[in-house]
Amino acid sequence: MSNYHVKAADRPQALTGEAIRALRQRQVEGISRRRLLRVSLGGGLALWLTEVTAGSIGFLWPNLAGGFGGVLEIGTFDDVEAGNTDIPWTEGFPAYFPHARAFVMLIDPARQQFIPGDDESGDGTALNVRVLYQRCPHLGCKPNPCLKNFWLECPCHGSRYDRLGIKAAGAQYGPAPRSMDRFAIRVEADGKLIVDTGKLTLGPLPVALGQPGIIPPRTPTGCI
């Protein structure tokens, strides 16, 4: 028999104190937990700042670009008349301006002009013009002017307003809680109408038909 014995080549060796200290001082491979935490917090903060910046730009962009939410030009009395020959605008019927999301109407059709001045409240009586936000105060649908009765009528839930946007009181005239909202306006010295679509005044409370403050419909029935 042979006295030759096989010796394991990969027999584990005990670590000495020097070897353990060397391992502790060696650079950690990959990413440490501390660095991972820092990177995660930094990435989250960067994402939040990006969202805030994008949201702010989106909110302010209309003002910067001259779109809805900022100050918009409608034009002079003659400009509005020339652009609305298909409706009786000079009789007080509301004219629609999509870029302002608004209806524009004369308060007193007997006075065929805009009167220079400022009106932050949007009432417009002193300027002989009113500009109404297109949104129905009930649930936000767009009321439509009706040629039959010269009223504004919401096709969604039947809320009805006179031609100046005053809500008629009573369940039969729809569920809107108030009259249509108004934009701040300015008529310049040259007669040009300017609308600030960033300044909105809530419409007044409904008025009972037959009481002062609401214009009766021209016909008993409307368009809806």
Protein backbone atom coordinates (compact mmCIF):
# COMPACT_ATOMS: atom_id res chain seq x y z
CA MET A 1 0.00 0.00 0.00
CA SER A 2 1.11 3.55 -0.70
CA ASN A 3 1.78 6.00 2.08
CA TYR A 4 0.76 8.93 -0.26
CA HIS A 5 -1.99 11.16 1.19
CA VAL A 6 -3.99 13.83 -0.71
CA LYS A 7 -3.98 17.28 1.00
CA ALA A 8 -6.85 19.73 0.40
CA ALA A 9 -5.64 22.74 -1.61
CA ASP A 10 -8.40 25.16 -0.48
CA ARG A 11 -8.40 24.45 3.20
CA PRO A 12 -9.74 27.56 5.01
CA GLN A 13 -7.14 29.63 6.77
CA ALA A 14 -7.86 31.62 9.94
CA LEU A 15 -7.64 35.42 9.49
CA THR A 16 -4.99 37.15 11.49
CA GLY A 17 -5.54 40.47 13.24
CA GLU A 18 -3.51 42.26 10.56
CA ALA A 19 -5.68 40.77 7.81
CA ILE A 20 -8.91 41.87 9.54
CA ARG A 21 -7.63 45.44 9.94
CA ALA A 22 -6.63 45.52 6.29
CA LEU A 23 -10.10 44.44 5.22
CA ARG A 24 -11.70 47.17 7.32
CA GLN A 25 -9.55 49.84 5.70
CA ARG A 26 -10.08 48.62 2.16
CA GLN A 27 -12.37 50.68 -0.13
CA VAL A 28 -15.90 49.23 -0.21
CA GLU A 29 -16.83 47.91 -3.62
CA GLY A 30 -20.17 49.06 -5.19
CA ILE A 31 -22.34 51.70 -3.42
CA SER A 32 -22.64 52.11 0.32
CA ARG A 33 -25.90 52.52 2.18
CA ARG A 34 -24.99 56.09 3.08
CA ARG A 35 -24.32 57.02 -0.54
CA LEU A 36 -27.50 55.26 -1.67
CA LEU A 37 -29.51 57.31 0.84
CA ARG A 38 -27.91 60.55 -0.32
CA VAL A 39 -28.53 59.76 -4.00
CA SER A 40 -32.16 58.83 -3.30
CA LEU A 41 -32.84 62.02 -1.33
CA GLY A 42 -31.13 64.16 -3.96
CA GLY A 43 -33.08 62.54 -6.78
CA GLY A 44 -36.38 62.98 -4.94
CA LEU A 45 -35.64 66.65 -4.27
CA ALA A 46 -34.68 67.24 -7.90
CA LEU A 47 -37.91 65.61 -9.10
CA TRP A 48 -39.99 67.74 -6.71
CA LEU A 49 -38.29 70.94 -7.87
CA THR A 50 -38.90 69.97 -11.49
CA GLU A 51 -42.61 69.42 -10.84
CA VAL A 52 -42.95 72.72 -8.95
CA THR A 53 -41.14 74.62 -11.71
CA ALA A 54 -43.25 73.03 -14.46
CA GLY A 55 -46.46 73.74 -12.54
CA SER A 56 -45.49 77.37 -11.96
CA ILE A 57 -44.63 77.89 -15.61
CA GLY A 58 -47.92 76.28 -16.64
CA PHE A 59 -49.85 78.56 -14.28
CA LEU A 60 -48.04 81.74 -15.28
CA TRP A 61 -47.70 81.02 -18.99
CA PRO A 62 -51.06 82.57 -20.01
CA ASN A 63 -50.01 85.86 -18.39
CA LEU A 64 -46.60 85.68 -20.04
CA ALA A 65 -47.97 84.75 -23.45
CA GLY A 66 -50.99 87.09 -23.47
CA GLY A 67 -53.50 84.23 -23.34
CA PHE A 68 -56.46 83.46 -21.14
CA GLY A 69 -55.63 84.31 -17.53
CA GLY A 70 -53.97 87.56 -18.54
CA VAL A 71 -54.93 90.92 -20.02
CA LEU A 72 -56.58 90.60 -23.44
CA GLU A 73 -57.72 93.10 -26.05
CA ILE A 74 -61.27 92.87 -27.40
CA GLY A 75 -61.28 95.98 -29.60
CA THR A 76 -63.30 99.12 -30.10
CA PHE A 77 -67.08 99.36 -30.40
CA ASP A 78 -66.72 99.42 -34.19
CA ASP A 79 -64.40 96.37 -34.10
CA VAL A 80 -66.93 94.32 -32.12
CA GLU A 81 -69.81 95.45 -34.33
CA ALA A 82 -67.90 94.58 -37.52
CA GLY A 83 -67.04 91.12 -36.19
CA ASN A 84 -70.60 90.26 -35.18
CA THR A 85 -72.81 91.23 -38.12
CA ASP A 86 -74.61 87.87 -37.89
CA ILE A 87 -76.18 88.72 -34.51
CA PRO A 88 -78.05 91.79 -33.20
CA TRP A 89 -75.12 92.83 -31.02
CA THR A 90 -75.93 96.57 -31.23
CA GLU A 91 -79.34 95.73 -29.69
CA GLY A 92 -77.65 94.30 -26.60
CA PHE A 93 -77.31 90.66 -27.67
CA PRO A 94 -74.19 88.95 -26.22
CA ALA A 95 -71.22 88.41 -28.54
CA TYR A 96 -68.81 85.55 -27.84
CA PHE A 97 -65.00 85.89 -27.87
CA PRO A 98 -63.29 82.47 -27.67
CA HIS A 99 -59.78 83.77 -26.89
CA ALA A 100 -61.17 85.51 -23.77
CA ARG A 101 -63.71 82.75 -22.99
CA ALA A 102 -66.18 85.55 -22.52
CA PHE A 103 -69.41 87.15 -23.64
CA VAL A 104 -69.41 90.90 -24.37
CA MET A 105 -72.59 92.95 -24.42
CA LEU A 106 -73.76 96.57 -24.32
CA ILE A 107 -75.51 97.51 -21.10
CA ASP A 108 -77.56 100.30 -22.69
CA PRO A 109 -78.00 99.69 -26.44
CA ALA A 110 -79.33 103.23 -26.86
CA ARG A 111 -75.77 104.43 -26.29
CA GLN A 112 -73.86 103.04 -29.23
CA GLN A 113 -70.39 103.34 -27.74
CA PHE A 114 -67.99 102.25 -25.02
CA ILE A 115 -67.25 104.88 -22.38
CA PRO A 116 -63.56 105.23 -21.38
CA GLY A 117 -62.76 104.23 -17.80
CA ASP A 118 -61.81 101.35 -15.49
CA ASP A 119 -64.07 98.89 -13.72
CA GLU A 120 -62.37 96.33 -11.47
CA SER A 121 -65.74 94.95 -10.34
CA GLY A 122 -66.79 94.05 -13.89
CA ASP A 123 -70.24 95.66 -13.50
CA GLY A 124 -69.51 97.89 -16.47
CA THR A 125 -72.47 100.26 -16.11
CA ALA A 126 -70.30 103.38 -16.25
CA LEU A 127 -68.45 101.99 -19.30
CA ASN A 128 -71.64 100.79 -21.04
CA VAL A 129 -70.16 97.32 -21.56
CA ARG A 130 -70.01 94.12 -19.55
CA VAL A 131 -67.81 91.05 -20.07
CA LEU A 132 -69.04 87.76 -18.61
CA TYR A 133 -67.04 84.59 -18.04
CA GLN A 134 -68.43 81.81 -20.26
CA ARG A 135 -68.71 79.35 -17.35
CA CYS A 136 -72.10 78.58 -15.79
CA PRO A 137 -71.75 78.97 -11.97
CA HIS A 138 -73.60 75.67 -11.46
CA LEU A 139 -71.23 73.03 -12.87
CA GLY A 140 -69.17 74.91 -15.43
CA CYS A 141 -71.02 74.34 -18.71
CA LYS A 142 -71.11 77.10 -21.31
CA PRO A 143 -74.47 78.95 -21.57
CA ASN A 144 -75.62 79.90 -25.06
CA PRO A 145 -77.31 83.17 -26.08
CA CYS A 146 -80.81 82.57 -27.41
CA LEU A 147 -81.98 84.78 -30.28
CA LYS A 148 -85.65 84.15 -29.43
CA ASN A 149 -85.60 85.71 -25.98
CA PHE A 150 -82.18 87.45 -25.75
CA TRP A 151 -81.31 85.35 -22.67
CA LEU A 152 -78.33 83.12 -21.91
CA GLU A 153 -79.37 79.51 -21.38
CA CYS A 154 -77.24 76.66 -20.04
CA PRO A 155 -77.84 73.46 -22.07
CA CYS A 156 -76.61 71.17 -19.27
CA HIS A 157 -79.08 71.83 -16.45
CA GLY A 158 -81.31 74.64 -17.71
CA SER A 159 -80.01 77.62 -15.73
CA ARG A 160 -81.25 80.83 -17.34
CA TYR A 161 -79.80 84.35 -17.25
CA ASP A 162 -80.90 87.62 -18.80
CA ARG A 163 -78.71 89.10 -21.53
CA LEU A 164 -76.50 90.79 -18.90
CA GLY A 165 -75.91 87.53 -17.06
CA ILE A 166 -78.35 88.00 -14.16
CA LYS A 167 -79.73 84.66 -12.96
CA ALA A 168 -83.51 84.39 -12.77
CA ALA A 169 -84.64 83.20 -9.34
CA GLY A 170 -86.83 80.11 -9.08
CA ALA A 171 -86.46 76.37 -9.58
CA GLN A 172 -87.97 76.63 -13.06
CA TYR A 173 -84.97 78.72 -14.14
CA GLY A 174 -82.34 76.16 -13.22
CA PRO A 175 -80.07 75.31 -10.28
CA ALA A 176 -77.26 77.90 -10.62
CA PRO A 177 -76.68 79.57 -7.22
CA ARG A 178 -75.77 83.00 -8.59
CA SER A 179 -75.53 85.12 -11.71
CA MET A 180 -72.69 84.73 -14.21
CA ASP A 181 -69.25 85.90 -13.12
CA ARG A 182 -67.68 89.07 -14.50
CA PHE A 183 -64.21 90.05 -15.66
CA ALA A 184 -62.49 93.31 -14.75
CA ILE A 185 -62.48 95.64 -17.77
CA ARG A 186 -60.98 98.87 -19.03
CA VAL A 187 -61.94 101.12 -21.93
CA GLU A 188 -58.99 103.18 -23.11
CA ALA A 189 -59.16 106.75 -24.35
CA ASP A 190 -59.32 105.54 -27.97
CA GLY A 191 -62.36 103.40 -27.14
CA LYS A 192 -60.52 100.07 -27.07
CA LEU A 193 -61.97 97.47 -24.68
CA ILE A 194 -59.41 95.59 -22.56
CA VAL A 195 -60.34 92.56 -20.42
CA ASP A 196 -58.34 91.25 -17.49
CA THR A 197 -59.25 87.55 -17.47
CA GLY A 198 -57.13 87.10 -14.36
CA LYS A 199 -59.53 89.20 -12.26
CA LEU A 200 -62.96 87.71 -11.74
CA THR A 201 -65.87 88.98 -9.67
CA LEU A 202 -68.54 86.49 -8.66
CA GLY A 203 -72.00 87.24 -10.01
CA PRO A 204 -74.74 88.57 -7.70
CA LEU A 205 -77.55 86.47 -6.26
CA PRO A 206 -80.51 85.56 -8.49
CA VAL A 207 -83.32 88.08 -9.00
CA ALA A 208 -86.99 87.16 -9.26
CA LEU A 209 -88.49 87.78 -12.68
CA GLY A 210 -90.53 90.97 -12.58
CA GLN A 211 -88.30 92.62 -9.99
CA PRO A 212 -85.86 95.46 -10.79
CA GLY A 213 -82.43 94.25 -11.80
CA ILE A 214 -83.37 91.58 -14.34
CA ILE A 215 -84.36 92.05 -17.98
CA PRO A 216 -87.50 90.05 -18.92
CA PRO A 217 -87.16 87.61 -21.85
CA ARG A 218 -88.53 88.78 -25.17
CA THR A 219 -90.55 85.58 -25.57
CA PRO A 220 -92.12 83.22 -22.98
CA THR A 221 -90.15 80.29 -24.38
CA GLY A 222 -86.45 80.03 -25.07
CA CYS A 223 -84.10 77.82 -27.03
CA ILE A 224 -83.86 74.84 -24.68
